[in-house]
Amino acid sequence: KVAIDTESAVIGRYEDFSAGNDVLIHVSASAKETEYIGKYMVAKILL
């Protein structure tokens, strides 16, 4: 279970963050760490 920043989220024309939708989750930035940058996974929003 995760929470997203709904204030700055951009909602696209065809998909949003609803149950049943597929999402790509990726580690995109860090101030000083690098070990996990670029890692990703695909999951489905269940609820």
All heavy atoms as atom14 arrays in JSON, in Angstrom:
{
  "sequence": "KVAIDTESAVIGRYEDFSAGNDVLIHVSASAKETEYIGKYMVAKILL",
  "atom14_mask": [
    [1, 1, 1, 1, 1, 1, 1, 1, 1, 0, 0, 0, 0, 0],
    [1, 1, 1, 1, 1, 1, 1, 0, 0, 0, 0, 0, 0, 0],
    [1, 1, 1, 1, 1, 0, 0, 0, 0, 0, 0, 0, 0, 0],
    [1, 1, 1, 1, 1, 1, 1, 1, 0, 0, 0, 0, 0, 0],
    [1, 1, 1, 1, 1, 1, 1, 1, 0, 0, 0, 0, 0, 0],
    [1, 1, 1, 1, 1, 1, 1, 0, 0, 0, 0, 0, 0, 0],
    [1, 1, 1, 1, 1, 1, 1, 1, 1, 0, 0, 0, 0, 0],
    [1, 1, 1, 1, 1, 1, 0, 0, 0, 0, 0, 0, 0, 0],
    [1, 1, 1, 1, 1, 0, 0, 0, 0, 0, 0, 0, 0, 0],
    [1, 1, 1, 1, 1, 1, 1, 0, 0, 0, 0, 0, 0, 0],
    [1, 1, 1, 1, 1, 1, 1, 1, 0, 0, 0, 0, 0, 0],
    [1, 1, 1, 1, 0, 0, 0, 0, 0, 0, 0, 0, 0, 0],
    [1, 1, 1, 1, 1, 1, 1, 1, 1, 1, 1, 0, 0, 0],
    [1, 1, 1, 1, 1, 1, 1, 1, 1, 1, 1, 1, 0, 0],
    [1, 1, 1, 1, 1, 1, 1, 1, 1, 0, 0, 0, 0, 0],
    [1, 1, 1, 1, 1, 1, 1, 1, 0, 0, 0, 0, 0, 0],
    [1, 1, 1, 1, 1, 1, 1, 1, 1, 1, 1, 0, 0, 0],
    [1, 1, 1, 1, 1, 1, 0, 0, 0, 0, 0, 0, 0, 0],
    [1, 1, 1, 1, 1, 0, 0, 0, 0, 0, 0, 0, 0, 0],
    [1, 1, 1, 1, 0, 0, 0, 0, 0, 0, 0, 0, 0, 0],
    [1, 1, 1, 1, 1, 1, 1, 1, 0, 0, 0, 0, 0, 0],
    [1, 1, 1, 1, 1, 1, 1, 1, 0, 0, 0, 0, 0, 0],
    [1, 1, 1, 1, 1, 1, 1, 0, 0, 0, 0, 0, 0, 0],
    [1, 1, 1, 1, 1, 1, 1, 1, 0, 0, 0, 0, 0, 0],
    [1, 1, 1, 1, 1, 1, 1, 1, 0, 0, 0, 0, 0, 0],
    [1, 1, 1, 1, 1, 1, 1, 1, 1, 1, 0, 0, 0, 0],
    [1, 1, 1, 1, 1, 1, 1, 0, 0, 0, 0, 0, 0, 0],
    [1, 1, 1, 1, 1, 1, 0, 0, 0, 0, 0, 0, 0, 0],
    [1, 1, 1, 1, 1, 0, 0, 0, 0, 0, 0, 0, 0, 0],
    [1, 1, 1, 1, 1, 1, 0, 0, 0, 0, 0, 0, 0, 0],
    [1, 1, 1, 1, 1, 0, 0, 0, 0, 0, 0, 0, 0, 0],
    [1, 1, 1, 1, 1, 1, 1, 1, 1, 0, 0, 0, 0, 0],
    [1, 1, 1, 1, 1, 1, 1, 1, 1, 0, 0, 0, 0, 0],
    [1, 1, 1, 1, 1, 1, 1, 0, 0, 0, 0, 0, 0, 0],
    [1, 1, 1, 1, 1, 1, 1, 1, 1, 0, 0, 0, 0, 0],
    [1, 1, 1, 1, 1, 1, 1, 1, 1, 1, 1, 1, 0, 0],
    [1, 1, 1, 1, 1, 1, 1, 1, 0, 0, 0, 0, 0, 0],
    [1, 1, 1, 1, 0, 0, 0, 0, 0, 0, 0, 0, 0, 0],
    [1, 1, 1, 1, 1, 1, 1, 1, 1, 0, 0, 0, 0, 0],
    [1, 1, 1, 1, 1, 1, 1, 1, 1, 1, 1, 1, 0, 0],
    [1, 1, 1, 1, 1, 1, 1, 1, 0, 0, 0, 0, 0, 0],
    [1, 1, 1, 1, 1, 1, 1, 0, 0, 0, 0, 0, 0, 0],
    [1, 1, 1, 1, 1, 0, 0, 0, 0, 0, 0, 0, 0, 0],
    [1, 1, 1, 1, 1, 1, 1, 1, 1, 0, 0, 0, 0, 0],
    [1, 1, 1, 1, 1, 1, 1, 1, 0, 0, 0, 0, 0, 0],
    [1, 1, 1, 1, 1, 1, 1, 1, 0, 0, 0, 0, 0, 0],
    [1, 1, 1, 1, 1, 1, 1, 1, 0, 0, 0, 0, 0, 0]
  ],
  "atom14_positions": [
    [[0.84, -1.2, 0.0], [0.0, 0.0, 0.0], [0.88, 1.25, 0.0], [1.81, 1.36, 0.8], [-0.92, 0.02, 1.23], [-1.96, -1.06, 1.21], [-2.9, -0.96, 2.38], [-3.92, -2.08, 2.32], [-4.89, -2.01, 3.39], [0.0, 0.0, 0.0], [0.0, 0.0, 0.0], [0.0, 0.0, 0.0], [0.0, 0.0, 0.0], [0.0, 0.0, 0.0]],
    [[0.56, 2.17, -0.92], [1.31, 3.41, -1.03], [0.36, 4.59, -1.18], [-0.8, 4.43, -1.57], [2.28, 3.38, -2.23], [3.33, 2.3, -2.06], [1.54, 3.22, -3.55], [0.0, 0.0, 0.0], [0.0, 0.0, 0.0], [0.0, 0.0, 0.0], [0.0, 0.0, 0.0], [0.0, 0.0, 0.0], [0.0, 0.0, 0.0], [0.0, 0.0, 0.0]],
    [[0.88, 5.77, -0.87], [0.13, 7.01, -1.1], [0.89, 7.82, -2.15], [2.12, 7.83, -2.17], [0.01, 7.81, 0.2], [0.0, 0.0, 0.0], [0.0, 0.0, 0.0], [0.0, 0.0, 0.0], [0.0, 0.0, 0.0], [0.0, 0.0, 0.0], [0.0, 0.0, 0.0], [0.0, 0.0, 0.0], [0.0, 0.0, 0.0], [0.0, 0.0, 0.0]],
    [[0.14, 8.48, -3.02], [0.76, 9.33, -4.04], [0.47, 10.79, -3.71], [-0.46, 11.11, -2.97], [0.25, 8.99, -5.46], [-1.27, 9.15, -5.55], [0.71, 7.61, -5.87], [-1.83, 9.0, -6.96], [0.0, 0.0, 0.0], [0.0, 0.0, 0.0], [0.0, 0.0, 0.0], [0.0, 0.0, 0.0], [0.0, 0.0, 0.0], [0.0, 0.0, 0.0]],
    [[1.26, 11.67, -4.27], [1.08, 13.11, -4.1], [-0.04, 13.57, -5.04], [0.2, 13.84, -6.22], [2.39, 13.83, -4.4], [2.29, 15.33, -4.22], [1.2, 15.85, -3.88], [3.31, 16.01, -4.44], [0.0, 0.0, 0.0], [0.0, 0.0, 0.0], [0.0, 0.0, 0.0], [0.0, 0.0, 0.0], [0.0, 0.0, 0.0], [0.0, 0.0, 0.0]],
    [[-1.24, 13.62, -4.53], [-2.39, 13.97, -5.37], [-2.39, 15.45, -5.76], [-3.01, 15.83, -6.75], [-3.71, 13.63, -4.67], [-3.75, 14.28, -3.4], [-3.84, 12.12, -4.48], [0.0, 0.0, 0.0], [0.0, 0.0, 0.0], [0.0, 0.0, 0.0], [0.0, 0.0, 0.0], [0.0, 0.0, 0.0], [0.0, 0.0, 0.0], [0.0, 0.0, 0.0]],
    [[-1.69, 16.29, -4.99], [-1.64, 17.72, -5.29], [-0.9, 18.0, -6.59], [-1.3, 18.87, -7.36], [-0.97, 18.48, -4.14], [-1.75, 18.45, -2.84], [-3.06, 19.22, -2.93], [-3.06, 20.31, -3.5], [-4.07, 18.7, -2.41], [0.0, 0.0, 0.0], [0.0, 0.0, 0.0], [0.0, 0.0, 0.0], [0.0, 0.0, 0.0], [0.0, 0.0, 0.0]],
    [[0.2, 17.29, -6.83], [0.99, 17.55, -8.04], [0.82, 16.45, -9.1], [1.49, 16.49, -10.14], [2.47, 17.71, -7.7], [2.98, 16.52, -7.15], [0.0, 0.0, 0.0], [0.0, 0.0, 0.0], [0.0, 0.0, 0.0], [0.0, 0.0, 0.0], [0.0, 0.0, 0.0], [0.0, 0.0, 0.0], [0.0, 0.0, 0.0], [0.0, 0.0, 0.0]],
    [[-0.06, 15.49, -8.86], [-0.28, 14.42, -9.84], [-0.85, 15.01, -11.13], [-1.6, 15.98, -11.13], [-1.26, 13.4, -9.28], [0.0, 0.0, 0.0], [0.0, 0.0, 0.0], [0.0, 0.0, 0.0], [0.0, 0.0, 0.0], [0.0, 0.0, 0.0], [0.0, 0.0, 0.0], [0.0, 0.0, 0.0], [0.0, 0.0, 0.0], [0.0, 0.0, 0.0]],
    [[-0.46, 14.41, -12.24], [-1.01, 14.79, -13.55], [-1.88, 13.63, -14.0], [-1.42, 12.5, -14.11], [0.11, 15.06, -14.57], [-0.47, 15.29, -15.95], [0.95, 16.24, -14.12], [0.0, 0.0, 0.0], [0.0, 0.0, 0.0], [0.0, 0.0, 0.0], [0.0, 0.0, 0.0], [0.0, 0.0, 0.0], [0.0, 0.0, 0.0], [0.0, 0.0, 0.0]],
    [[-3.16, 13.9, -14.23], [-4.09, 12.86, -14.63], [-4.24, 12.9, -16.15], [-4.63, 13.91, -16.72], [-5.46, 13.04, -13.94], [-5.31, 13.06, -12.42], [-6.43, 11.94, -14.39], [-4.66, 11.81, -11.84], [0.0, 0.0, 0.0], [0.0, 0.0, 0.0], [0.0, 0.0, 0.0], [0.0, 0.0, 0.0], [0.0, 0.0, 0.0], [0.0, 0.0, 0.0]],
    [[-3.92, 11.78, -16.77], [-3.96, 11.69, -18.22], [-5.36, 11.51, -18.77], [-6.32, 11.3, -18.02], [0.0, 0.0, 0.0], [0.0, 0.0, 0.0], [0.0, 0.0, 0.0], [0.0, 0.0, 0.0], [0.0, 0.0, 0.0], [0.0, 0.0, 0.0], [0.0, 0.0, 0.0], [0.0, 0.0, 0.0], [0.0, 0.0, 0.0], [0.0, 0.0, 0.0]],
    [[-5.44, 11.56, -20.07], [-6.75, 11.47, -20.73], [-7.34, 10.07, -20.69], [-8.55, 9.9, -20.66], [-6.59, 11.92, -22.18], [-7.87, 11.81, -22.96], [-7.78, 12.53, -24.25], [-9.02, 12.34, -24.99], [-9.32, 13.02, -26.06], [-8.51, 13.92, -26.52], [-10.44, 12.79, -26.69], [0.0, 0.0, 0.0], [0.0, 0.0, 0.0], [0.0, 0.0, 0.0]],
    [[-6.48, 9.03, -20.7], [-7.0, 7.68, -20.85], [-6.94, 6.81, -19.61], [-7.64, 5.83, -19.53], [-6.29, 6.98, -22.01], [-6.56, 7.64, -23.32], [-5.61, 8.43, -23.94], [-7.81, 7.53, -23.91], [-5.89, 9.06, -25.14], [-8.1, 8.16, -25.11], [-7.14, 8.93, -25.71], [-7.41, 9.56, -26.89], [0.0, 0.0, 0.0], [0.0, 0.0, 0.0]],
    [[-6.08, 7.11, -18.67], [-5.96, 6.27, -17.48], [-5.73, 7.14, -16.26], [-5.15, 8.22, -16.36], [-4.8, 5.28, -17.6], [-4.97, 4.26, -18.69], [-5.92, 3.13, -18.34], [-6.75, 3.28, -17.41], [-5.86, 2.1, -19.0], [0.0, 0.0, 0.0], [0.0, 0.0, 0.0], [0.0, 0.0, 0.0], [0.0, 0.0, 0.0], [0.0, 0.0, 0.0]],
    [[-6.18, 6.67, -15.11], [-5.88, 7.36, -13.87], [-5.47, 6.32, -12.83], [-5.16, 5.19, -13.18], [-7.07, 8.21, -13.4], [-8.32, 7.37, -13.14], [-8.21, 6.13, -13.03], [-9.4, 7.95, -13.03], [0.0, 0.0, 0.0], [0.0, 0.0, 0.0], [0.0, 0.0, 0.0], [0.0, 0.0, 0.0], [0.0, 0.0, 0.0], [0.0, 0.0, 0.0]],
    [[-5.46, 6.68, -11.59], [-5.0, 5.79, -10.53], [-6.17, 5.06, -9.87], [-6.37, 5.11, -8.67], [-4.18, 6.57, -9.51], [-2.96, 7.2, -10.13], [-2.9, 8.56, -10.38], [-1.89, 6.42, -10.51], [-1.79, 9.13, -10.96], [-0.77, 6.97, -11.1], [-0.72, 8.33, -11.33], [0.0, 0.0, 0.0], [0.0, 0.0, 0.0], [0.0, 0.0, 0.0]],
    [[-6.96, 4.39, -10.7], [-8.13, 3.65, -10.24], [-7.83, 2.16, -10.16], [-6.92, 1.65, -10.82], [-9.3, 3.85, -11.21], [-9.66, 5.2, -11.29], [0.0, 0.0, 0.0], [0.0, 0.0, 0.0], [0.0, 0.0, 0.0], [0.0, 0.0, 0.0], [0.0, 0.0, 0.0], [0.0, 0.0, 0.0], [0.0, 0.0, 0.0], [0.0, 0.0, 0.0]],
    [[-8.62, 1.46, -9.36], [-8.49, 0.0, -9.24], [-8.62, -0.64, -10.61], [-9.46, -0.25, -11.42], [-9.54, -0.54, -8.29], [0.0, 0.0, 0.0], [0.0, 0.0, 0.0], [0.0, 0.0, 0.0], [0.0, 0.0, 0.0], [0.0, 0.0, 0.0], [0.0, 0.0, 0.0], [0.0, 0.0, 0.0], [0.0, 0.0, 0.0], [0.0, 0.0, 0.0]],
    [[-7.76, -1.6, -10.88], [-7.77, -2.32, -12.14], [-6.77, -1.81, -13.15], [-6.49, -2.48, -14.14], [0.0, 0.0, 0.0], [0.0, 0.0, 0.0], [0.0, 0.0, 0.0], [0.0, 0.0, 0.0], [0.0, 0.0, 0.0], [0.0, 0.0, 0.0], [0.0, 0.0, 0.0], [0.0, 0.0, 0.0], [0.0, 0.0, 0.0], [0.0, 0.0, 0.0]],
    [[-6.23, -0.62, -12.93], [-5.29, -0.05, -13.88], [-3.87, -0.52, -13.61], [-3.46, -0.7, -12.47], [-5.34, 1.48, -13.86], [-6.61, 2.01, -14.5], [-7.31, 1.28, -15.2], [-6.91, 3.27, -14.28], [0.0, 0.0, 0.0], [0.0, 0.0, 0.0], [0.0, 0.0, 0.0], [0.0, 0.0, 0.0], [0.0, 0.0, 0.0], [0.0, 0.0, 0.0]],
    [[-3.12, -0.71, -14.69], [-1.72, -1.11, -14.61], [-0.85, 0.13, -14.46], [-1.13, 1.17, -15.06], [-1.31, -1.85, -15.89], [-2.07, -3.14, -16.06], [-2.07, -3.95, -15.12], [-2.67, -3.34, -17.14], [0.0, 0.0, 0.0], [0.0, 0.0, 0.0], [0.0, 0.0, 0.0], [0.0, 0.0, 0.0], [0.0, 0.0, 0.0], [0.0, 0.0, 0.0]],
    [[0.22, 0.0, -13.68], [1.14, 1.11, -13.46], [2.59, 0.64, -13.55], [2.91, -0.5, -13.22], [0.91, 1.81, -12.1], [-0.42, 2.55, -12.08], [0.98, 0.83, -10.94], [0.0, 0.0, 0.0], [0.0, 0.0, 0.0], [0.0, 0.0, 0.0], [0.0, 0.0, 0.0], [0.0, 0.0, 0.0], [0.0, 0.0, 0.0], [0.0, 0.0, 0.0]],
    [[3.43, 1.54, -14.0], [4.87, 1.36, -13.97], [5.37, 2.2, -12.81], [5.01, 3.38, -12.69], [5.5, 1.84, -15.27], [7.02, 1.94, -15.29], [7.64, 0.56, -15.35], [7.49, 2.79, -16.46], [0.0, 0.0, 0.0], [0.0, 0.0, 0.0], [0.0, 0.0, 0.0], [0.0, 0.0, 0.0], [0.0, 0.0, 0.0], [0.0, 0.0, 0.0]],
    [[6.15, 1.6, -11.93], [6.72, 2.32, -10.8], [8.22, 2.31, -10.98], [8.82, 1.26, -11.19], [6.33, 1.66, -9.47], [4.81, 1.64, -9.33], [6.98, 2.39, -8.29], [4.3, 0.73, -8.23], [0.0, 0.0, 0.0], [0.0, 0.0, 0.0], [0.0, 0.0, 0.0], [0.0, 0.0, 0.0], [0.0, 0.0, 0.0], [0.0, 0.0, 0.0]],
    [[8.83, 3.5, -10.92], [10.28, 3.52, -11.11], [10.95, 4.47, -10.12], [10.35, 5.43, -9.64], [10.66, 3.87, -12.55], [10.23, 5.23, -12.99], [11.03, 6.33, -12.89], [9.09, 5.65, -13.56], [10.41, 7.39, -13.37], [9.22, 6.99, -13.78], [0.0, 0.0, 0.0], [0.0, 0.0, 0.0], [0.0, 0.0, 0.0], [0.0, 0.0, 0.0]],
    [[12.19, 4.14, -9.82], [13.02, 4.96, -8.94], [13.7, 5.97, -9.85], [14.54, 5.61, -10.66], [14.06, 4.11, -8.19], [14.85, 4.97, -7.22], [13.38, 2.96, -7.45], [0.0, 0.0, 0.0], [0.0, 0.0, 0.0], [0.0, 0.0, 0.0], [0.0, 0.0, 0.0], [0.0, 0.0, 0.0], [0.0, 0.0, 0.0], [0.0, 0.0, 0.0]],
    [[13.32, 7.24, -9.73], [13.72, 8.21, -10.74], [14.74, 9.24, -10.3], [15.37, 9.86, -11.16], [12.48, 8.92, -11.3], [11.72, 9.48, -10.26], [0.0, 0.0, 0.0], [0.0, 0.0, 0.0], [0.0, 0.0, 0.0], [0.0, 0.0, 0.0], [0.0, 0.0, 0.0], [0.0, 0.0, 0.0], [0.0, 0.0, 0.0], [0.0, 0.0, 0.0]],
    [[14.92, 9.45, -9.01], [15.86, 10.49, -8.59], [16.28, 10.29, -7.15], [15.62, 9.61, -6.37], [15.23, 11.88, -8.77], [0.0, 0.0, 0.0], [0.0, 0.0, 0.0], [0.0, 0.0, 0.0], [0.0, 0.0, 0.0], [0.0, 0.0, 0.0], [0.0, 0.0, 0.0], [0.0, 0.0, 0.0], [0.0, 0.0, 0.0], [0.0, 0.0, 0.0]],
    [[17.4, 10.93, -6.81], [17.89, 10.93, -5.44], [18.85, 12.09, -5.29], [19.56, 12.45, -6.24], [18.62, 9.62, -5.12], [19.17, 9.69, -3.81], [0.0, 0.0, 0.0], [0.0, 0.0, 0.0], [0.0, 0.0, 0.0], [0.0, 0.0, 0.0], [0.0, 0.0, 0.0], [0.0, 0.0, 0.0], [0.0, 0.0, 0.0], [0.0, 0.0, 0.0]],
    [[18.89, 12.66, -4.1], [19.8, 13.77, -3.83], [21.25, 13.29, -3.79], [22.16, 13.99, -4.21], [19.43, 14.47, -2.53], [0.0, 0.0, 0.0], [0.0, 0.0, 0.0], [0.0, 0.0, 0.0], [0.0, 0.0, 0.0], [0.0, 0.0, 0.0], [0.0, 0.0, 0.0], [0.0, 0.0, 0.0], [0.0, 0.0, 0.0], [0.0, 0.0, 0.0]],
    [[21.47, 12.07, -3.25], [22.86, 11.62, -3.12], [23.05, 10.12, -3.34], [24.15, 9.68, -3.62], [23.4, 11.99, -1.74], [22.64, 11.37, -0.58], [23.21, 11.8, 0.75], [22.42, 11.17, 1.88], [22.98, 11.47, 3.16], [0.0, 0.0, 0.0], [0.0, 0.0, 0.0], [0.0, 0.0, 0.0], [0.0, 0.0, 0.0], [0.0, 0.0, 0.0]],
    [[22.02, 9.32, -3.25], [22.14, 7.87, -3.4], [21.97, 7.48, -4.87], [21.28, 8.15, -5.62], [21.09, 7.16, -2.55], [21.13, 7.51, -1.07], [22.39, 7.01, -0.38], [22.97, 6.0, -0.82], [22.82, 7.65, 0.6], [0.0, 0.0, 0.0], [0.0, 0.0, 0.0], [0.0, 0.0, 0.0], [0.0, 0.0, 0.0], [0.0, 0.0, 0.0]],
    [[22.57, 6.37, -5.27], [22.46, 5.95, -6.67], [22.13, 4.47, -6.85], [21.77, 4.05, -7.94], [23.78, 6.22, -7.43], [24.83, 5.5, -6.79], [24.1, 7.7, -7.46], [0.0, 0.0, 0.0], [0.0, 0.0, 0.0], [0.0, 0.0, 0.0], [0.0, 0.0, 0.0], [0.0, 0.0, 0.0], [0.0, 0.0, 0.0], [0.0, 0.0, 0.0]],
    [[22.21, 3.68, -5.81], [22.08, 2.23, -5.93], [20.78, 1.78, -6.59], [20.75, 0.84, -7.38], [22.21, 1.57, -4.55], [22.14, 0.06, -4.61], [22.32, -0.61, -3.25], [22.57, 0.09, -2.25], [22.19, -1.83, -3.2], [0.0, 0.0, 0.0], [0.0, 0.0, 0.0], [0.0, 0.0, 0.0], [0.0, 0.0, 0.0], [0.0, 0.0, 0.0]],
    [[19.67, 2.45, -6.29], [18.36, 2.0, -6.78], [17.83, 2.81, -7.96], [16.78, 2.47, -8.51], [17.35, 2.0, -5.64], [17.71, 1.0, -4.57], [18.38, 1.4, -3.41], [17.44, -0.36, -4.73], [18.75, 0.47, -2.44], [17.8, -1.28, -3.77], [18.46, -0.86, -2.64], [18.83, -1.79, -1.68], [0.0, 0.0, 0.0], [0.0, 0.0, 0.0]],
    [[18.51, 3.87, -8.37], [18.02, 4.69, -9.48], [17.92, 3.85, -10.75], [18.82, 3.09, -11.09], [18.93, 5.92, -9.7], [18.71, 6.91, -8.55], [18.64, 6.59, -11.04], [19.5, 8.17, -8.67], [0.0, 0.0, 0.0], [0.0, 0.0, 0.0], [0.0, 0.0, 0.0], [0.0, 0.0, 0.0], [0.0, 0.0, 0.0], [0.0, 0.0, 0.0]],
    [[16.8, 3.97, -11.44], [16.55, 3.25, -12.68], [15.81, 1.94, -12.5], [15.32, 1.38, -13.46], [0.0, 0.0, 0.0], [0.0, 0.0, 0.0], [0.0, 0.0, 0.0], [0.0, 0.0, 0.0], [0.0, 0.0, 0.0], [0.0, 0.0, 0.0], [0.0, 0.0, 0.0], [0.0, 0.0, 0.0], [0.0, 0.0, 0.0], [0.0, 0.0, 0.0]],
    [[15.71, 1.46, -11.29], [14.97, 0.21, -11.07], [13.48, 0.49, -11.24], [12.99, 1.58, -10.95], [15.27, -0.35, -9.68], [16.71, -0.79, -9.54], [16.94, -1.54, -8.26], [18.37, -1.97, -8.17], [18.62, -3.3, -8.6], [0.0, 0.0, 0.0], [0.0, 0.0, 0.0], [0.0, 0.0, 0.0], [0.0, 0.0, 0.0], [0.0, 0.0, 0.0]],
    [[12.75, -0.53, -11.7], [11.32, -0.34, -11.94], [10.58, -1.67, -11.79], [11.19, -2.73, -11.77], [11.07, 0.22, -13.34], [11.42, -0.74, -14.44], [10.45, -1.58, -14.97], [12.72, -0.83, -14.94], [10.76, -2.49, -15.97], [13.04, -1.72, -15.95], [12.06, -2.55, -16.45], [12.37, -3.43, -17.44], [0.0, 0.0, 0.0], [0.0, 0.0, 0.0]],
    [[9.27, -1.57, -11.7], [8.41, -2.75, -11.71], [7.05, -2.35, -12.26], [6.69, -1.18, -12.26], [8.28, -3.37, -10.32], [7.47, -2.6, -9.33], [7.4, -3.52, -7.76], [6.27, -2.51, -6.84], [0.0, 0.0, 0.0], [0.0, 0.0, 0.0], [0.0, 0.0, 0.0], [0.0, 0.0, 0.0], [0.0, 0.0, 0.0], [0.0, 0.0, 0.0]],
    [[6.33, -3.34, -12.74], [4.97, -3.13, -13.22], [4.04, -3.82, -12.24], [4.29, -4.94, -11.81], [4.79, -3.71, -14.64], [3.34, -3.61, -15.08], [5.71, -3.01, -15.62], [0.0, 0.0, 0.0], [0.0, 0.0, 0.0], [0.0, 0.0, 0.0], [0.0, 0.0, 0.0], [0.0, 0.0, 0.0], [0.0, 0.0, 0.0], [0.0, 0.0, 0.0]],
    [[2.97, -3.13, -11.85], [1.99, -3.68, -10.91], [0.59, -3.25, -11.34], [0.43, -2.41, -12.22], [2.29, -3.19, -9.49], [0.0, 0.0, 0.0], [0.0, 0.0, 0.0], [0.0, 0.0, 0.0], [0.0, 0.0, 0.0], [0.0, 0.0, 0.0], [0.0, 0.0, 0.0], [0.0, 0.0, 0.0], [0.0, 0.0, 0.0], [0.0, 0.0, 0.0]],
    [[-0.39, -3.82, -10.7], [-1.79, -3.45, -10.94], [-2.32, -2.81, -9.66], [-1.99, -3.24, -8.56], [-2.61, -4.69, -11.29], [-4.06, -4.37, -11.64], [-4.83, -5.59, -12.07], [-4.45, -6.1, -13.41], [-4.75, -5.26, -14.56], [0.0, 0.0, 0.0], [0.0, 0.0, 0.0], [0.0, 0.0, 0.0], [0.0, 0.0, 0.0], [0.0, 0.0, 0.0]],
    [[-3.11, -1.76, -9.81], [-3.79, -1.17, -8.66], [-5.0, -2.04, -8.34], [-5.89, -2.21, -9.18], [-4.24, 0.28, -8.94], [-3.02, 1.16, -9.23], [-5.04, 0.83, -7.76], [-3.37, 2.57, -9.67], [0.0, 0.0, 0.0], [0.0, 0.0, 0.0], [0.0, 0.0, 0.0], [0.0, 0.0, 0.0], [0.0, 0.0, 0.0], [0.0, 0.0, 0.0]],
    [[-5.02, -2.62, -7.16], [-6.11, -3.51, -6.76], [-7.24, -2.75, -6.08], [-8.41, -3.11, -6.2], [-5.59, -4.6, -5.84], [-4.49, -5.5, -6.41], [-4.02, -6.5, -5.36], [-4.99, -6.22, -7.66], [0.0, 0.0, 0.0], [0.0, 0.0, 0.0], [0.0, 0.0, 0.0], [0.0, 0.0, 0.0], [0.0, 0.0, 0.0], [0.0, 0.0, 0.0]],
    [[-6.87, -1.68, -5.33], [-7.86, -0.95, -4.54], [-7.36, 0.46, -4.3], [-6.17, 0.67, -4.07], [-8.07, -1.67, -3.2], [-9.11, -1.1, -2.23], [-10.51, -1.23, -2.8], [-9.02, -1.83, -0.9], [0.0, 0.0, 0.0], [0.0, 0.0, 0.0], [0.0, 0.0, 0.0], [0.0, 0.0, 0.0], [0.0, 0.0, 0.0], [0.0, 0.0, 0.0]]
  ]
}
